[in-house]
Amino acid sequence: MSIHASLKGVNTLIGERSVLTRVERINKLKRDGRFDTEAASVYGLPKVRTKFKVVSGKKAKALENARKEALASKGGKAAKGKK
């Protein structure tokens, strides 16, 4: 059976996801230093916390602006040091 269109959420892609893809899990494990690319298998991966929210709207724009400013300040300092 399918769900009626009026009962579906409008923005089903926005919000919490309860499952990571295998690639996302491996990338997160690599960042945490829990995955060795030489010896580890992609099967039987350890559990990874998946509670995160997708940020959208004003908060997303504010975070993006903050990231750009941080990168610009790092890039500016690096460029000044090289001269």
PDB file of N, CA and C in Angstrom:
ATOM      1  N   MET A   1       0.836  -1.189   0.000  1.00  0.00           N
ATOM      2  CA  MET A   1       0.000   0.000   0.000  1.00  0.00           C
ATOM      3  C   MET A   1       0.874   1.242   0.000  1.00  0.00           C
ATOM      4  N   SER A   2       0.371   2.261  -0.599  1.00  0.00           N
ATOM      5  CA  SER A   2       1.111   3.523  -0.602  1.00  0.00           C
ATOM      6  C   SER A   2       0.425   4.508   0.338  1.00  0.00           C
ATOM      7  N   ILE A   3       1.178   5.524   0.728  1.00  0.00           N
ATOM      8  CA  ILE A   3       0.642   6.537   1.629  1.00  0.00           C
ATOM      9  C   ILE A   3      -0.027   7.641   0.804  1.00  0.00           C
ATOM     10  N   HIS A   4      -1.114   8.159   1.321  1.00  0.00           N
ATOM     11  CA  HIS A   4      -1.837   9.206   0.632  1.00  0.00           C
ATOM     12  C   HIS A   4      -0.986  10.468   0.574  1.00  0.00           C
ATOM     13  N   ALA A   5      -1.082  11.208  -0.520  1.00  0.00           N
ATOM     14  CA  ALA A   5      -0.249  12.394  -0.737  1.00  0.00           C
ATOM     15  C   ALA A   5      -0.434  13.441   0.362  1.00  0.00           C
ATOM     16  N   SER A   6      -1.633  13.552   0.917  1.00  0.00           N
ATOM     17  CA  SER A   6      -1.876  14.563   1.944  1.00  0.00           C
ATOM     18  C   SER A   6      -1.213  14.215   3.273  1.00  0.00           C
ATOM     19  N   LEU A   7      -0.826  12.949   3.465  1.00  0.00           N
ATOM     20  CA  LEU A   7      -0.199  12.525   4.708  1.00  0.00           C
ATOM     21  C   LEU A   7       1.320  12.593   4.659  1.00  0.00           C
ATOM     22  N   LYS A   8       1.867  12.779   3.479  1.00  0.00           N
ATOM     23  CA  LYS A   8       3.317  12.871   3.338  1.00  0.00           C
ATOM     24  C   LYS A   8       3.798  14.228   3.824  1.00  0.00           C
ATOM     25  N   GLY A   9       5.049  14.254   4.303  1.00  0.00           N
ATOM     26  CA  GLY A   9       5.646  15.525   4.694  1.00  0.00           C
ATOM     27  C   GLY A   9       6.003  16.333   3.473  1.00  0.00           C
ATOM     28  N   VAL A  10       6.008  17.639   3.609  1.00  0.00           N
ATOM     29  CA  VAL A  10       6.319  18.503   2.484  1.00  0.00           C
ATOM     30  C   VAL A  10       7.800  18.425   2.149  1.00  0.00           C
ATOM     31  N   ASN A  11       8.642  18.571   3.163  1.00  0.00           N
ATOM     32  CA  ASN A  11      10.090  18.535   2.951  1.00  0.00           C
ATOM     33  C   ASN A  11      10.649  17.299   3.630  1.00  0.00           C
ATOM     34  N   THR A  12      10.588  16.186   2.972  1.00  0.00           N
ATOM     35  CA  THR A  12      11.042  14.944   3.588  1.00  0.00           C
ATOM     36  C   THR A  12      12.558  14.837   3.617  1.00  0.00           C
ATOM     37  N   LEU A  13      13.274  15.627   2.807  1.00  0.00           N
ATOM     38  CA  LEU A  13      14.726  15.551   2.791  1.00  0.00           C
ATOM     39  C   LEU A  13      15.363  16.430   3.862  1.00  0.00           C
ATOM     40  N   ILE A  14      14.591  17.309   4.455  1.00  0.00           N
ATOM     41  CA  ILE A  14      15.108  18.193   5.499  1.00  0.00           C
ATOM     42  C   ILE A  14      14.803  17.563   6.848  1.00  0.00           C
ATOM     43  N   GLY A  15      15.770  17.561   7.732  1.00  0.00           N
ATOM     44  CA  GLY A  15      15.559  17.017   9.066  1.00  0.00           C
ATOM     45  C   GLY A  15      16.604  15.983   9.393  1.00  0.00           C
ATOM     46  N   GLU A  16      16.296  15.123  10.351  1.00  0.00           N
ATOM     47  CA  GLU A  16      17.248  14.119  10.796  1.00  0.00           C
ATOM     48  C   GLU A  16      17.227  12.900   9.893  1.00  0.00           C
ATOM     49  N   ARG A  17      18.417  12.363   9.670  1.00  0.00           N
ATOM     50  CA  ARG A  17      18.548  11.100   8.955  1.00  0.00           C
ATOM     51  C   ARG A  17      18.999  10.075   9.966  1.00  0.00           C
ATOM     52  N   SER A  18      18.477   8.884   9.880  1.00  0.00           N
ATOM     53  CA  SER A  18      18.820   7.861  10.856  1.00  0.00           C
ATOM     54  C   SER A  18      19.846   6.864  10.322  1.00  0.00           C
ATOM     55  N   VAL A  19      20.214   6.984   9.061  1.00  0.00           N
ATOM     56  CA  VAL A  19      21.134   6.020   8.462  1.00  0.00           C
ATOM     57  C   VAL A  19      22.167   6.762   7.624  1.00  0.00           C
ATOM     58  N   LEU A  20      23.441   6.371   7.772  1.00  0.00           N
ATOM     59  CA  LEU A  20      24.498   6.910   6.927  1.00  0.00           C
ATOM     60  C   LEU A  20      24.793   5.900   5.822  1.00  0.00           C
ATOM     61  N   THR A  21      25.228   6.387   4.683  1.00  0.00           N
ATOM     62  CA  THR A  21      25.661   5.470   3.633  1.00  0.00           C
ATOM     63  C   THR A  21      27.014   4.897   4.036  1.00  0.00           C
ATOM     64  N   ARG A  22      27.434   3.837   3.380  1.00  0.00           N
ATOM     65  CA  ARG A  22      28.708   3.200   3.715  1.00  0.00           C
ATOM     66  C   ARG A  22      29.864   4.187   3.533  1.00  0.00           C
ATOM     67  N   VAL A  23      29.823   4.972   2.474  1.00  0.00           N
ATOM     68  CA  VAL A  23      30.882   5.937   2.212  1.00  0.00           C
ATOM     69  C   VAL A  23      30.927   6.984   3.326  1.00  0.00           C
ATOM     70  N   GLU A  24      29.758   7.475   3.756  1.00  0.00           N
ATOM     71  CA  GLU A  24      29.709   8.447   4.843  1.00  0.00           C
ATOM     72  C   GLU A  24      30.270   7.854   6.130  1.00  0.00           C
ATOM     73  N   ARG A  25      29.937   6.600   6.409  1.00  0.00           N
ATOM     74  CA  ARG A  25      30.450   5.941   7.615  1.00  0.00           C
ATOM     75  C   ARG A  25      31.965   5.806   7.562  1.00  0.00           C
ATOM     76  N   ILE A  26      32.503   5.393   6.418  1.00  0.00           N
ATOM     77  CA  ILE A  26      33.948   5.223   6.277  1.00  0.00           C
ATOM     78  C   ILE A  26      34.652   6.567   6.436  1.00  0.00           C
ATOM     79  N   ASN A  27      34.104   7.625   5.815  1.00  0.00           N
ATOM     80  CA  ASN A  27      34.712   8.949   5.937  1.00  0.00           C
ATOM     81  C   ASN A  27      34.722   9.427   7.381  1.00  0.00           C
ATOM     82  N   LYS A  28      33.632   9.192   8.102  1.00  0.00           N
ATOM     83  CA  LYS A  28      33.563   9.604   9.500  1.00  0.00           C
ATOM     84  C   LYS A  28      34.556   8.802  10.344  1.00  0.00           C
ATOM     85  N   LEU A  29      34.671   7.511  10.084  1.00  0.00           N
ATOM     86  CA  LEU A  29      35.626   6.681  10.812  1.00  0.00           C
ATOM     87  C   LEU A  29      37.066   7.111  10.518  1.00  0.00           C
ATOM     88  N   LYS A  30      37.359   7.493   9.278  1.00  0.00           N
ATOM     89  CA  LYS A  30      38.695   7.971   8.924  1.00  0.00           C
ATOM     90  C   LYS A  30      39.023   9.247   9.682  1.00  0.00           C
ATOM     91  N   ARG A  31      38.050  10.180   9.746  1.00  0.00           N
ATOM     92  CA  ARG A  31      38.268  11.429  10.466  1.00  0.00           C
ATOM     93  C   ARG A  31      38.536  11.190  11.946  1.00  0.00           C
ATOM     94  N   ASP A  32      37.858  10.183  12.495  1.00  0.00           N
ATOM     95  CA  ASP A  32      38.023   9.858  13.915  1.00  0.00           C
ATOM     96  C   ASP A  32      39.245   8.982  14.168  1.00  0.00           C
ATOM     97  N   GLY A  33      39.887   8.515  13.091  1.00  0.00           N
ATOM     98  CA  GLY A  33      41.065   7.671  13.230  1.00  0.00           C
ATOM     99  C   GLY A  33      40.743   6.243  13.612  1.00  0.00           C
ATOM    100  N   ARG A  34      39.542   5.782  13.299  1.00  0.00           N
ATOM    101  CA  ARG A  34      39.110   4.435  13.658  1.00  0.00           C
ATOM    102  C   ARG A  34      39.068   3.491  12.459  1.00  0.00           C
ATOM    103  N   PHE A  35      39.524   3.949  11.286  1.00  0.00           N
ATOM    104  CA  PHE A  35      39.480   3.127  10.083  1.00  0.00           C
ATOM    105  C   PHE A  35      40.829   3.195   9.386  1.00  0.00           C
ATOM    106  N   ASP A  36      41.471   2.057   9.219  1.00  0.00           N
ATOM    107  CA  ASP A  36      42.748   1.973   8.528  1.00  0.00           C
ATOM    108  C   ASP A  36      42.480   1.451   7.121  1.00  0.00           C
ATOM    109  N   THR A  37      42.828   2.234   6.126  1.00  0.00           N
ATOM    110  CA  THR A  37      42.512   1.868   4.743  1.00  0.00           C
ATOM    111  C   THR A  37      43.277   0.642   4.273  1.00  0.00           C
ATOM    112  N   GLU A  38      44.403   0.350   4.879  1.00  0.00           N
ATOM    113  CA  GLU A  38      45.212  -0.795   4.448  1.00  0.00           C
ATOM    114  C   GLU A  38      44.617  -2.121   4.910  1.00  0.00           C
ATOM    115  N   ALA A  39      44.255  -2.212   6.183  1.00  0.00           N
ATOM    116  CA  ALA A  39      43.883  -3.499   6.763  1.00  0.00           C
ATOM    117  C   ALA A  39      42.373  -3.703   6.934  1.00  0.00           C
ATOM    118  N   ALA A  40      41.623  -2.634   6.998  1.00  0.00           N
ATOM    119  CA  ALA A  40      40.204  -2.745   7.335  1.00  0.00           C
ATOM    120  C   ALA A  40      39.367  -3.181   6.133  1.00  0.00           C
ATOM    121  N   SER A  41      38.272  -3.833   6.452  1.00  0.00           N
ATOM    122  CA  SER A  41      37.314  -4.246   5.438  1.00  0.00           C
ATOM    123  C   SER A  41      36.130  -3.286   5.455  1.00  0.00           C
ATOM    124  N   VAL A  42      35.476  -3.118   4.320  1.00  0.00           N
ATOM    125  CA  VAL A  42      34.311  -2.244   4.270  1.00  0.00           C
ATOM    126  C   VAL A  42      33.065  -2.952   4.786  1.00  0.00           C
ATOM    127  N   TYR A  43      33.197  -4.230   5.110  1.00  0.00           N
ATOM    128  CA  TYR A  43      32.090  -4.983   5.675  1.00  0.00           C
ATOM    129  C   TYR A  43      32.284  -5.086   7.180  1.00  0.00           C
ATOM    130  N   GLY A  44      31.204  -5.085   7.927  1.00  0.00           N
ATOM    131  CA  GLY A  44      31.282  -5.203   9.375  1.00  0.00           C
ATOM    132  C   GLY A  44      31.865  -3.965  10.026  1.00  0.00           C
ATOM    133  N   LEU A  45      31.511  -2.792   9.509  1.00  0.00           N
ATOM    134  CA  LEU A  45      32.015  -1.542  10.075  1.00  0.00           C
ATOM    135  C   LEU A  45      31.442  -1.318  11.467  1.00  0.00           C
ATOM    136  N   PRO A  46      32.191  -0.651  12.351  1.00  0.00           N
ATOM    137  CA  PRO A  46      31.640  -0.346  13.670  1.00  0.00           C
ATOM    138  C   PRO A  46      30.511   0.669  13.575  1.00  0.00           C
ATOM    139  N   LYS A  47      29.712   0.736  14.632  1.00  0.00           N
ATOM    140  CA  LYS A  47      28.597   1.676  14.651  1.00  0.00           C
ATOM    141  C   LYS A  47      29.114   3.109  14.692  1.00  0.00           C
ATOM    142  N   VAL A  48      28.352   3.991  14.054  1.00  0.00           N
ATOM    143  CA  VAL A  48      28.698   5.407  14.005  1.00  0.00           C
ATOM    144  C   VAL A  48      27.464   6.199  14.400  1.00  0.00           C
ATOM    145  N   ARG A  49      27.665   7.169  15.257  1.00  0.00           N
ATOM    146  CA  ARG A  49      26.535   7.992  15.682  1.00  0.00           C
ATOM    147  C   ARG A  49      25.978   8.752  14.480  1.00  0.00           C
ATOM    148  N   THR A  50      24.661   8.733  14.337  1.00  0.00           N
ATOM    149  CA  THR A  50      24.031   9.336  13.173  1.00  0.00           C
ATOM    150  C   THR A  50      23.126  10.500  13.520  1.00  0.00           C
ATOM    151  N   LYS A  51      23.081  10.902  14.760  1.00  0.00           N
ATOM    152  CA  LYS A  51      22.192  12.003  15.137  1.00  0.00           C
ATOM    153  C   LYS A  51      22.802  13.323  14.691  1.00  0.00           C
ATOM    154  N   PHE A  52      22.292  13.859  13.618  1.00  0.00           N
ATOM    155  CA  PHE A  52      22.677  15.184  13.175  1.00  0.00           C
ATOM    156  C   PHE A  52      21.503  15.756  12.409  1.00  0.00           C
ATOM    157  N   LYS A  53      21.430  17.048  12.385  1.00  0.00           N
ATOM    158  CA  LYS A  53      20.341  17.695  11.673  1.00  0.00           C
ATOM    159  C   LYS A  53      20.893  18.429  10.466  1.00  0.00           C
ATOM    160  N   VAL A  54      20.104  18.458   9.430  1.00  0.00           N
ATOM    161  CA  VAL A  54      20.458  19.207   8.243  1.00  0.00           C
ATOM    162  C   VAL A  54      20.048  20.642   8.496  1.00  0.00           C
ATOM    163  N   VAL A  55      20.991  21.563   8.368  1.00  0.00           N
ATOM    164  CA  VAL A  55      20.729  22.971   8.638  1.00  0.00           C
ATOM    165  C   VAL A  55      20.254  23.627   7.353  1.00  0.00           C
ATOM    166  N   SER A  56      19.198  24.423   7.466  1.00  0.00           N
ATOM    167  CA  SER A  56      18.689  25.114   6.291  1.00  0.00           C
ATOM    168  C   SER A  56      18.217  26.504   6.691  1.00  0.00           C
ATOM    169  N   GLY A  57      17.971  27.312   5.715  1.00  0.00           N
ATOM    170  CA  GLY A  57      17.432  28.642   5.954  1.00  0.00           C
ATOM    171  C   GLY A  57      18.477  29.633   6.426  1.00  0.00           C
ATOM    172  N   LYS A  58      18.072  30.487   7.385  1.00  0.00           N
ATOM    173  CA  LYS A  58      18.942  31.555   7.880  1.00  0.00           C
ATOM    174  C   LYS A  58      20.178  31.000   8.577  1.00  0.00           C
ATOM    175  N   LYS A  59      20.017  29.907   9.326  1.00  0.00           N
ATOM    176  CA  LYS A  59      21.156  29.323  10.034  1.00  0.00           C
ATOM    177  C   LYS A  59      22.205  28.809   9.052  1.00  0.00           C
ATOM    178  N   ALA A  60      21.766  28.214   7.956  1.00  0.00           N
ATOM    179  CA  ALA A  60      22.695  27.694   6.957  1.00  0.00           C
ATOM    180  C   ALA A  60      23.488  28.831   6.324  1.00  0.00           C
ATOM    181  N   LYS A  61      22.816  29.943   6.030  1.00  0.00           N
ATOM    182  CA  LYS A  61      23.508  31.091   5.431  1.00  0.00           C
ATOM    183  C   LYS A  61      24.509  31.678   6.414  1.00  0.00           C
ATOM    184  N   ALA A  62      24.123  31.772   7.687  1.00  0.00           N
ATOM    185  CA  ALA A  62      25.023  32.315   8.699  1.00  0.00           C
ATOM    186  C   ALA A  62      26.250  31.429   8.867  1.00  0.00           C
ATOM    187  N   LEU A  63      26.058  30.111   8.895  1.00  0.00           N
ATOM    188  CA  LEU A  63      27.184  29.187   9.017  1.00  0.00           C
ATOM    189  C   LEU A  63      28.102  29.272   7.803  1.00  0.00           C
ATOM    190  N   GLU A  64      27.523  29.375   6.623  1.00  0.00           N
ATOM    191  CA  GLU A  64      28.324  29.458   5.397  1.00  0.00           C
ATOM    192  C   GLU A  64      29.147  30.741   5.384  1.00  0.00           C
ATOM    193  N   ASN A  65      28.540  31.850   5.808  1.00  0.00           N
ATOM    194  CA  ASN A  65      29.279  33.114   5.864  1.00  0.00           C
ATOM    195  C   ASN A  65      30.423  33.029   6.874  1.00  0.00           C
ATOM    196  N   ALA A  66      30.181  32.395   8.014  1.00  0.00           N
ATOM    197  CA  ALA A  66      31.221  32.246   9.032  1.00  0.00           C
ATOM    198  C   ALA A  66      32.364  31.387   8.505  1.00  0.00           C
ATOM    199  N   ARG A  67      32.049  30.327   7.778  1.00  0.00           N
ATOM    200  CA  ARG A  67      33.084  29.471   7.196  1.00  0.00           C
ATOM    201  C   ARG A  67      33.914  30.236   6.171  1.00  0.00           C
ATOM    202  N   LYS A  68      33.236  31.031   5.327  1.00  0.00           N
ATOM    203  CA  LYS A  68      33.953  31.810   4.314  1.00  0.00           C
ATOM    204  C   LYS A  68      34.890  32.817   4.970  1.00  0.00           C
ATOM    205  N   GLU A  69      34.416  33.475   6.039  1.00  0.00           N
ATOM    206  CA  GLU A  69      35.251  34.447   6.743  1.00  0.00           C
ATOM    207  C   GLU A  69      36.458  33.760   7.376  1.00  0.00           C
ATOM    208  N   ALA A  70      36.244  32.582   7.950  1.00  0.00           N
ATOM    209  CA  ALA A  70      37.343  31.852   8.580  1.00  0.00           C
ATOM    210  C   ALA A  70      38.373  31.435   7.539  1.00  0.00           C
ATOM    211  N   LEU A  71      37.910  30.957   6.401  1.00  0.00           N
ATOM    212  CA  LEU A  71      38.832  30.568   5.332  1.00  0.00           C
ATOM    213  C   LEU A  71      39.573  31.769   4.776  1.00  0.00           C
ATOM    214  N   ALA A  72      38.874  32.890   4.644  1.00  0.00           N
ATOM    215  CA  ALA A  72      39.512  34.099   4.132  1.00  0.00           C
ATOM    216  C   ALA A  72      40.581  34.595   5.098  1.00  0.00           C
ATOM    217  N   SER A  73      40.292  34.533   6.385  1.00  0.00           N
ATOM    218  CA  SER A  73      41.278  34.996   7.359  1.00  0.00           C
ATOM    219  C   SER A  73      42.488  34.061   7.400  1.00  0.00           C
ATOM    220  N   LYS A  74      42.266  32.767   7.271  1.00  0.00           N
ATOM    221  CA  LYS A  74      43.386  31.821   7.227  1.00  0.00           C
ATOM    222  C   LYS A  74      44.185  32.014   5.956  1.00  0.00           C
ATOM    223  N   GLY A  75      43.509  32.177   4.840  1.00  0.00           N
ATOM    224  CA  GLY A  75      44.180  32.378   3.558  1.00  0.00           C
ATOM    225  C   GLY A  75      44.943  33.684   3.534  1.00  0.00           C
ATOM    226  N   GLY A  76      44.388  34.710   4.122  1.00  0.00           N
ATOM    227  CA  GLY A  76      45.058  36.005   4.166  1.00  0.00           C
ATOM    228  C   GLY A  76      46.310  35.957   4.999  1.00  0.00           C
ATOM    229  N   LYS A  77      46.280  35.268   6.123  1.00  0.00           N
ATOM    230  CA  LYS A  77      47.451  35.144   6.978  1.00  0.00           C
ATOM    231  C   LYS A  77      48.538  34.338   6.297  1.00  0.00           C
ATOM    232  N   ALA A  78      48.135  33.271   5.612  1.00  0.00           N
ATOM    233  CA  ALA A  78      49.107  32.418   4.915  1.00  0.00           C
ATOM    234  C   ALA A  78      49.753  33.172   3.763  1.00  0.00           C
ATOM    235  N   ALA A  79      48.966  33.964   3.055  1.00  0.00           N
ATOM    236  CA  ALA A  79      49.490  34.716   1.918  1.00  0.00           C
ATOM    237  C   ALA A  79      50.455  35.800   2.398  1.00  0.00           C
ATOM    238  N   LYS A  80      50.153  36.456   3.516  1.00  0.00           N
ATOM    239  CA  LYS A  80      51.029  37.499   4.049  1.00  0.00           C
ATOM    240  C   LYS A  80      52.342  36.898   4.538  1.00  0.00           C
ATOM    241  N   GLY A  81      52.287  35.707   5.115  1.00  0.00           N
ATOM    242  CA  GLY A  81      53.486  35.059   5.623  1.00  0.00           C
ATOM    243  C   GLY A  81      54.417  34.607   4.523  1.00  0.00           C
ATOM    244  N   LYS A  82      53.897  34.300   3.341  1.00  0.00           N
ATOM    245  CA  LYS A  82      54.712  33.804   2.226  1.00  0.00           C
ATOM    246  C   LYS A  82      55.490  34.920   1.558  1.00  0.00           C
ATOM    247  N   LYS A  83      55.006  36.159   1.609  1.00  0.00           N
ATOM    248  CA  LYS A  83      55.659  37.272   0.905  1.00  0.00           C
ATOM    249  C   LYS A  83      56.909  37.685   1.552  1.00  0.00           C
TER     250      LYS A  83
END
